[in-house]
C-alpha atoms as a PDB file:
ATOM      1  CA  MET A   1     105.300 211.513  47.586  1.00  0.00           C
ATOM      2  CA  ARG A   2     107.076 208.539  46.977  1.00  0.00           C
ATOM      3  CA  GLU A   3     107.200 204.742  47.114  1.00  0.00           C
ATOM      4  CA  ILE A   4     110.157 203.030  47.926  1.00  0.00           C
ATOM      5  CA  GLU A   5     110.266 198.906  46.595  1.00  0.00           C
ATOM      6  CA  CYS A   6     112.300 196.970  49.370  1.00  0.00           C
ATOM      7  CA  ASP A   7     113.381 193.281  49.453  1.00  0.00           C
ATOM      8  CA  ASP A   8     110.937 192.961  52.674  1.00  0.00           C
ATOM      9  CA  ALA A   9     109.106 195.867  52.861  1.00  0.00           C
ATOM     10  CA  THR A  10     107.672 198.822  51.080  1.00  0.00           C
ATOM     11  CA  MET A  11     108.174 202.155  52.795  1.00  0.00           C
ATOM     12  CA  TRP A  12     106.176 205.454  51.893  1.00  0.00           C
ATOM     13  CA  LEU A  13     107.912 208.730  52.603  1.00  0.00           C
ATOM     14  CA  ALA A  14     105.618 211.484  52.633  1.00  0.00           C
ATOM     15  CA  LYS A  15     107.586 214.697  50.902  1.00  0.00           C
ATOM     16  CA  GLY A  16     108.563 217.394  53.635  1.00  0.00           C
ATOM     17  CA  ARG A  17     109.484 220.681  53.298  1.00  0.00           C
ATOM     18  CA  PRO A  18     112.932 221.227  52.061  1.00  0.00           C
ATOM     19  CA  ASN A  19     115.759 222.509  54.265  1.00  0.00           C
ATOM     20  CA  LYS A  20     116.388 225.903  54.628  1.00  0.00           C
ATOM     21  CA  ASN A  21     120.112 225.411  53.497  1.00  0.00           C
ATOM     22  CA  GLY A  22     119.218 224.514  50.349  1.00  0.00           C
ATOM     23  CA  LYS A  23     120.786 220.956  51.059  1.00  0.00           C
ATOM     24  CA  ASP A  24     119.157 217.552  50.035  1.00  0.00           C
ATOM     25  CA  GLY A  25     116.852 215.964  52.876  1.00  0.00           C
ATOM     26  CA  ASP A  26     113.624 217.212  53.999  1.00  0.00           C
ATOM     27  CA  SER A  27     113.571 219.408  57.716  1.00  0.00           C
ATOM     28  CA  ILE A  28     109.771 218.079  58.200  1.00  0.00           C
ATOM     29  CA  GLY A  29     108.603 214.390  56.419  1.00  0.00           C
ATOM     30  CA  LEU A  30     107.823 211.054  57.482  1.00  0.00           C
ATOM     31  CA  GLY A  31     107.758 207.414  56.587  1.00  0.00           C
ATOM     32  CA  MET A  32     106.382 204.145  57.482  1.00  0.00           C
ATOM     33  CA  VAL A  33     107.853 200.538  56.671  1.00  0.00           C
ATOM     34  CA  LEU A  34     105.267 197.814  56.133  1.00  0.00           C
ATOM     35  CA  CYS A  35     106.558 193.833  55.864  1.00  0.00           C
ATOM     36  CA  ARG A  36     105.124 191.787  53.437  1.00  0.00           C
ATOM     37  CA  ASP A  37     102.717 190.600  55.571  1.00  0.00           C
ATOM     38  CA  ALA A  38     101.294 194.182  56.888  1.00  0.00           C
ATOM     39  CA  MET A  39     101.401 194.844  52.972  1.00  0.00           C
ATOM     40  CA  ARG A  40      98.955 192.228  52.180  1.00  0.00           C
ATOM     41  CA  ALA A  41      96.743 193.766  55.234  1.00  0.00           C
ATOM     42  CA  TRP A  42      97.043 197.074  53.786  1.00  0.00           C
ATOM     43  CA  LYS A  43      95.757 195.873  50.398  1.00  0.00           C
ATOM     44  CA  ASP A  44      93.025 194.251  52.251  1.00  0.00           C
ATOM     45  CA  GLY A  45      91.926 197.398  53.560  1.00  0.00           C
ATOM     46  CA  GLY A  46      91.370 198.514  50.154  1.00  0.00           C
ATOM     47  CA  GLY A  47      94.847 199.948  49.429  1.00  0.00           C
ATOM     48  CA  ARG A  48      94.138 203.442  50.804  1.00  0.00           C
ATOM     49  CA  ARG A  49      96.401 205.731  51.953  1.00  0.00           C
ATOM     50  CA  LYS A  50      96.628 209.791  52.701  1.00  0.00           C
ATOM     51  CA  MET A  51      99.894 211.783  52.912  1.00  0.00           C
ATOM     52  CA  ASP A  52      98.722 214.785  51.688  1.00  0.00           C
ATOM     53  CA  TYR A  53      97.823 216.587  54.771  1.00  0.00           C
ATOM     54  CA  PRO A  54      98.332 220.501  55.141  1.00  0.00           C
ATOM     55  CA  SER A  55     100.728 220.393  57.969  1.00  0.00           C
ATOM     56  CA  GLU A  56     102.682 217.687  56.471  1.00  0.00           C
ATOM     57  CA  ARG A  57     103.214 216.162  59.677  1.00  0.00           C
ATOM     58  CA  ILE A  58     100.643 213.673  59.409  1.00  0.00           C
ATOM     59  CA  MET A  59      99.793 210.385  57.110  1.00  0.00           C
ATOM     60  CA  ASP A  60      97.363 207.149  57.661  1.00  0.00           C
ATOM     61  CA  CYS A  61      96.953 203.673  56.269  1.00  0.00           C
ATOM     62  CA  ARG A  62      94.543 201.333  56.437  1.00  0.00           C
ATOM     63  CA  LEU A  63      95.287 197.768  57.208  1.00  0.00           C
ATOM     64  CA  LEU A  64      92.709 194.898  58.029  1.00  0.00           C
ATOM     65  CA  VAL A  65      93.539 191.963  60.008  1.00  0.00           C
ATOM     66  CA  GLN A  66      92.082 189.478  61.787  1.00  0.00           C
ATOM     67  CA  ASP A  67      92.804 189.239  65.671  1.00  0.00           C
ATOM     68  CA  CYS A  68      93.719 185.795  67.423  1.00  0.00           C
ATOM     69  CA  SER A  69      89.591 184.888  68.051  1.00  0.00           C
ATOM     70  CA  GLY A  70      90.250 184.765  63.809  1.00  0.00           C
ATOM     71  CA  LYS A  71      87.781 188.024  63.319  1.00  0.00           C
ATOM     72  CA  GLU A  72      88.705 190.744  60.861  1.00  0.00           C
ATOM     73  CA  VAL A  73      89.894 194.037  62.998  1.00  0.00           C
ATOM     74  CA  GLY A  74      90.553 196.947  60.700  1.00  0.00           C
ATOM     75  CA  ILE A  75      93.253 199.393  61.712  1.00  0.00           C
ATOM     76  CA  HIS A  76      93.246 203.355  61.353  1.00  0.00           C
ATOM     77  CA  LEU A  77      97.196 203.670  61.411  1.00  0.00           C
ATOM     78  CA  VAL A  78      98.328 207.032  61.940  1.00  0.00           C
ATOM     79  CA  ASN A  79     102.463 208.841  61.728  1.00  0.00           C
ATOM     80  CA  ALA A  80     102.275 211.930  63.640  1.00  0.00           C
ATOM     81  CA  HIS A  81     105.260 214.585  63.821  1.00  0.00           C
ATOM     82  CA  ALA A  82     104.535 217.152  66.411  1.00  0.00           C
ATOM     83  CA  PRO A  83     105.970 220.886  66.119  1.00  0.00           C
ATOM     84  CA  VAL A  84     108.450 221.650  69.099  1.00  0.00           C
ATOM     85  CA  GLY A  85     107.313 223.758  72.046  1.00  0.00           C
ATOM     86  CA  GLY A  86     108.816 226.652  70.006  1.00  0.00           C
ATOM     87  CA  ASN A  87     106.957 226.947  67.210  1.00  0.00           C
ATOM     88  CA  SER A  88     103.955 229.264  66.941  1.00  0.00           C
ATOM     89  CA  SER A  89     100.395 228.012  68.408  1.00  0.00           C
ATOM     90  CA  ASN A  90      98.902 228.685  64.724  1.00  0.00           C
ATOM     91  CA  GLU A  91     101.336 226.064  64.007  1.00  0.00           C
ATOM     92  CA  TRP A  92     100.536 223.191  66.626  1.00  0.00           C
ATOM     93  CA  ASP A  93      96.705 224.451  65.793  1.00  0.00           C
ATOM     94  CA  ASP A  94      97.376 223.065  62.189  1.00  0.00           C
ATOM     95  CA  PHE A  95      98.836 220.003  63.477  1.00  0.00           C
ATOM     96  CA  PHE A  96      95.746 218.824  65.972  1.00  0.00           C
ATOM     97  CA  ALA A  97      93.448 220.125  62.819  1.00  0.00           C
ATOM     98  CA  ASP A  98      94.883 217.353  60.765  1.00  0.00           C
ATOM     99  CA  LEU A  99      95.016 214.936  63.432  1.00  0.00           C
ATOM    100  CA  GLU A 100      91.563 215.217  64.151  1.00  0.00           C
ATOM    101  CA  ALA A 101      90.782 214.903  60.745  1.00  0.00           C
ATOM    102  CA  SER A 102      92.774 211.720  60.063  1.00  0.00           C
ATOM    103  CA  ILE A 103      90.451 210.369  63.184  1.00  0.00           C
ATOM    104  CA  ALA A 104      87.269 211.628  61.688  1.00  0.00           C
ATOM    105  CA  SER A 105      88.306 209.879  58.332  1.00  0.00           C
ATOM    106  CA  ALA A 106      88.674 206.272  59.936  1.00  0.00           C
ATOM    107  CA  ALA A 107      85.761 203.745  59.792  1.00  0.00           C
ATOM    108  CA  THR A 108      83.157 203.582  62.538  1.00  0.00           C
ATOM    109  CA  ARG A 109      84.600 200.164  63.923  1.00  0.00           C
ATOM    110  CA  ASP A 110      88.289 200.779  63.163  1.00  0.00           C
ATOM    111  CA  ILE A 111      90.867 200.959  65.688  1.00  0.00           C
ATOM    112  CA  VAL A 112      92.406 204.061  65.933  1.00  0.00           C
ATOM    113  CA  VAL A 113      96.123 203.605  66.682  1.00  0.00           C
ATOM    114  CA  ILE A 114      98.427 206.737  66.502  1.00  0.00           C
ATOM    115  CA  GLY A 115     102.280 206.821  66.847  1.00  0.00           C
ATOM    116  CA  GLY A 116     104.326 209.537  66.843  1.00  0.00           C
ATOM    117  CA  ASP A 117     106.997 211.949  68.184  1.00  0.00           C
ATOM    118  CA  PHE A 118     104.300 214.430  69.992  1.00  0.00           C
ATOM    119  CA  ASN A 119     107.485 216.231  70.871  1.00  0.00           C
ATOM    120  CA  SER A 120     105.964 216.913  74.265  1.00  0.00           C
ATOM    121  CA  SER A 121     105.874 215.155  77.523  1.00  0.00           C
ATOM    122  CA  ILE A 122     102.466 214.560  79.221  1.00  0.00           C
ATOM    123  CA  GLY A 123     104.110 212.720  82.785  1.00  0.00           C
ATOM    124  CA  VAL A 124     102.095 210.228  84.384  1.00  0.00           C
ATOM    125  CA  ASP A 125      98.875 210.162  86.584  1.00  0.00           C
ATOM    126  CA  PRO A 126     100.132 208.192  89.494  1.00  0.00           C
ATOM    127  CA  LYS A 127      96.216 207.805  90.522  1.00  0.00           C
ATOM    128  CA  THR A 128      95.787 205.215  87.641  1.00  0.00           C
ATOM    129  CA  THR A 129      96.305 201.932  87.688  1.00  0.00           C
ATOM    130  CA  PRO A 130      96.450 199.610  84.894  1.00  0.00           C
ATOM    131  CA  ARG A 131      93.222 198.017  86.809  1.00  0.00           C
ATOM    132  CA  THR A 132      91.222 201.110  86.888  1.00  0.00           C
ATOM    133  CA  HIS A 133      87.263 201.007  86.465  1.00  0.00           C
ATOM    134  CA  LYS A 134      87.089 200.569  82.061  1.00  0.00           C
ATOM    135  CA  SER A 135      84.597 203.184  82.547  1.00  0.00           C
ATOM    136  CA  GLN A 136      86.671 205.952  83.946  1.00  0.00           C
ATOM    137  CA  TYR A 137      88.816 207.710  81.406  1.00  0.00           C
ATOM    138  CA  HIS A 138      92.310 208.705  81.749  1.00  0.00           C
ATOM    139  CA  PRO A 139      94.529 210.157  78.928  1.00  0.00           C
ATOM    140  CA  ARG A 140      97.485 208.811  81.515  1.00  0.00           C
ATOM    141  CA  GLY A 141      98.111 205.592  83.002  1.00  0.00           C
ATOM    142  CA  PRO A 142     100.716 205.357  85.972  1.00  0.00           C
ATOM    143  CA  PHE A 143     103.780 204.438  84.004  1.00  0.00           C
ATOM    144  CA  GLY A 144     106.568 206.190  82.483  1.00  0.00           C
ATOM    145  CA  VAL A 145     108.509 209.591  82.821  1.00  0.00           C
ATOM    146  CA  ASN A 146     107.603 211.820  85.728  1.00  0.00           C
ATOM    147  CA  TYR A 147     107.897 215.039  83.678  1.00  0.00           C
ATOM    148  CA  VAL A 148     105.199 217.291  82.178  1.00  0.00           C
ATOM    149  CA  ASN A 149     106.550 220.597  80.082  1.00  0.00           C
ATOM    150  CA  GLU A 150     104.135 223.084  78.401  1.00  0.00           C
ATOM    151  CA  SER A 151     104.263 221.208  75.110  1.00  0.00           C
ATOM    152  CA  GLY A 152     102.596 218.050  77.366  1.00  0.00           C
ATOM    153  CA  LYS A 153     100.187 220.614  78.958  1.00  0.00           C
ATOM    154  CA  ARG A 154      99.277 221.502  75.780  1.00  0.00           C
ATOM    155  CA  LEU A 155      98.536 217.938  74.271  1.00  0.00           C
ATOM    156  CA  LEU A 156      97.038 216.786  77.365  1.00  0.00           C
ATOM    157  CA  ARG A 157      94.485 219.771  77.160  1.00  0.00           C
ATOM    158  CA  TRP A 158      94.138 217.926  73.518  1.00  0.00           C
ATOM    159  CA  MET A 159      94.073 214.887  74.428  1.00  0.00           C
ATOM    160  CA  LYS A 160      90.860 215.445  76.407  1.00  0.00           C
ATOM    161  CA  THR A 161      89.038 216.988  73.565  1.00  0.00           C
ATOM    162  CA  GLN A 162      89.600 213.792  71.533  1.00  0.00           C
ATOM    163  CA  HIS A 163      89.275 211.301  74.267  1.00  0.00           C
ATOM    164  CA  LEU A 164      92.783 209.529  73.566  1.00  0.00           C
ATOM    165  CA  ALA A 165      94.948 207.618  76.007  1.00  0.00           C
ATOM    166  CA  ALA A 166      98.845 207.314  75.511  1.00  0.00           C
ATOM    167  CA  VAL A 167      99.169 203.235  76.466  1.00  0.00           C
ATOM    168  CA  SER A 168     102.444 204.217  76.068  1.00  0.00           C
ATOM    169  CA  THR A 169     102.240 204.939  79.937  1.00  0.00           C
ATOM    170  CA  TYR A 170     100.156 201.952  80.719  1.00  0.00           C
ATOM    171  CA  PHE A 171     102.671 199.185  80.366  1.00  0.00           C
ATOM    172  CA  LYS A 172     105.518 198.719  82.640  1.00  0.00           C
ATOM    173  CA  LYS A 173     108.363 197.830  80.732  1.00  0.00           C
ATOM    174  CA  LYS A 174     112.346 198.500  81.483  1.00  0.00           C
ATOM    175  CA  ARG A 175     113.035 201.940  79.648  1.00  0.00           C
ATOM    176  CA  TYR A 176     110.400 204.990  78.857  1.00  0.00           C
ATOM    177  CA  ALA A 177     112.765 207.812  77.958  1.00  0.00           C
ATOM    178  CA  THR A 178     112.793 208.112  74.303  1.00  0.00           C
ATOM    179  CA  TRP A 179     114.631 211.498  74.547  1.00  0.00           C
ATOM    180  CA  THR A 180     117.925 212.965  76.063  1.00  0.00           C
ATOM    181  CA  ASN A 181     118.777 216.673  76.106  1.00  0.00           C
ATOM    182  CA  PHE A 182     122.438 216.499  76.421  1.00  0.00           C
ATOM    183  CA  GLY A 183     122.743 220.114  75.608  1.00  0.00           C
ATOM    184  CA  HIS A 184     121.171 222.032  78.382  1.00  0.00           C
ATOM    185  CA  ASP A 185     120.188 219.824  81.502  1.00  0.00           C
ATOM    186  CA  ARG A 186     120.128 216.247  80.655  1.00  0.00           C
ATOM    187  CA  ARG A 187     116.902 215.346  81.423  1.00  0.00           C
ATOM    188  CA  SER A 188     115.431 212.871  79.941  1.00  0.00           C
ATOM    189  CA  HIS A 189     112.156 212.910  78.278  1.00  0.00           C
ATOM    190  CA  GLN A 190     109.070 210.565  76.953  1.00  0.00           C
ATOM    191  CA  ASN A 191     108.142 212.065  74.085  1.00  0.00           C
ATOM    192  CA  ASP A 192     107.017 209.788  71.779  1.00  0.00           C
ATOM    193  CA  HIS A 193     103.692 207.755  72.373  1.00  0.00           C
ATOM    194  CA  PHE A 194     100.986 205.417  71.199  1.00  0.00           C
ATOM    195  CA  MET A 195      97.776 206.691  71.333  1.00  0.00           C
ATOM    196  CA  VAL A 196      94.219 204.934  71.142  1.00  0.00           C
ATOM    197  CA  LEU A 197      90.718 206.661  71.044  1.00  0.00           C
ATOM    198  CA  ALA A 198      89.506 205.427  75.088  1.00  0.00           C
ATOM    199  CA  ARG A 199      85.760 204.477  73.029  1.00  0.00           C
ATOM    200  CA  GLN A 200      86.852 201.961  71.818  1.00  0.00           C
ATOM    201  CA  GLY A 201      88.283 199.951  74.282  1.00  0.00           C
ATOM    202  CA  HIS A 202      90.677 200.602  77.701  1.00  0.00           C
ATOM    203  CA  PRO A 203      94.324 201.101  76.906  1.00  0.00           C
ATOM    204  CA  THR A 204      94.630 197.232  79.129  1.00  0.00           C
ATOM    205  CA  SER A 205      92.053 195.797  77.254  1.00  0.00           C
ATOM    206  CA  PRO A 206      92.906 192.400  75.446  1.00  0.00           C
ATOM    207  CA  ARG A 207      91.561 194.166  72.371  1.00  0.00           C
ATOM    208  CA  LEU A 208      94.216 196.419  72.174  1.00  0.00           C
ATOM    209  CA  ARG A 209      96.993 194.410  74.029  1.00  0.00           C
ATOM    210  CA  ILE A 210     100.061 193.148  71.911  1.00  0.00           C
ATOM    211  CA  HIS A 211      99.778 189.065  72.493  1.00  0.00           C
ATOM    212  CA  ARG A 212     102.901 186.484  72.524  1.00  0.00           C
ATOM    213  CA  ARG A 213     101.376 184.360  69.851  1.00  0.00           C
ATOM    214  CA  PRO A 214     100.777 185.356  66.479  1.00  0.00           C
ATOM    215  CA  CYS A 215      97.972 187.137  65.033  1.00  0.00           C
ATOM    216  CA  ARG A 216      97.144 186.822  60.995  1.00  0.00           C
ATOM    217  CA  ILE A 217      97.744 190.015  59.188  1.00  0.00           C
END
């Protein structure tokens, strides 16, 4: 684990596994880059960060911010890097266990935001609309790449056990694919997602939405 000071940001790097070929660099590693304002929010939140999860695929920190109404809000920010589809079930189980441990460590009233490369295509739910009643839980929204692979099915099953919703599928945008397999079928995949706990608000709730006017951090 190391901390690197930059001109406008601080980047934290979790120590990853060395490359099998012995060269410099990591085969698994995570990092967060925070601007100066976000650094202040991190210090206001207690200056906590956790990187020593056993799978080396999870890291998290807490930010204390003010929403657009001036109310203080804690954000439990998680960075995740899932195994690829060909990895063993044990490695996936370890990843999910560490992610669950991170979620459980969040303060009760903090908003949990998980961003990561999940190496999984979860598709969309065409029956869901952004105006679906808030009491109804759906892990997916109607927008995104309409393709589900085996890793995506596994991820969806786990999301349902945690009551997580992929907000990245609830908003319309120009592009959804985050990776294209140029070496095989040239299929585009939506592998990267942001997720929130459904109990903390509907994915389209103003409390969880990105606002154009600045909020204080």
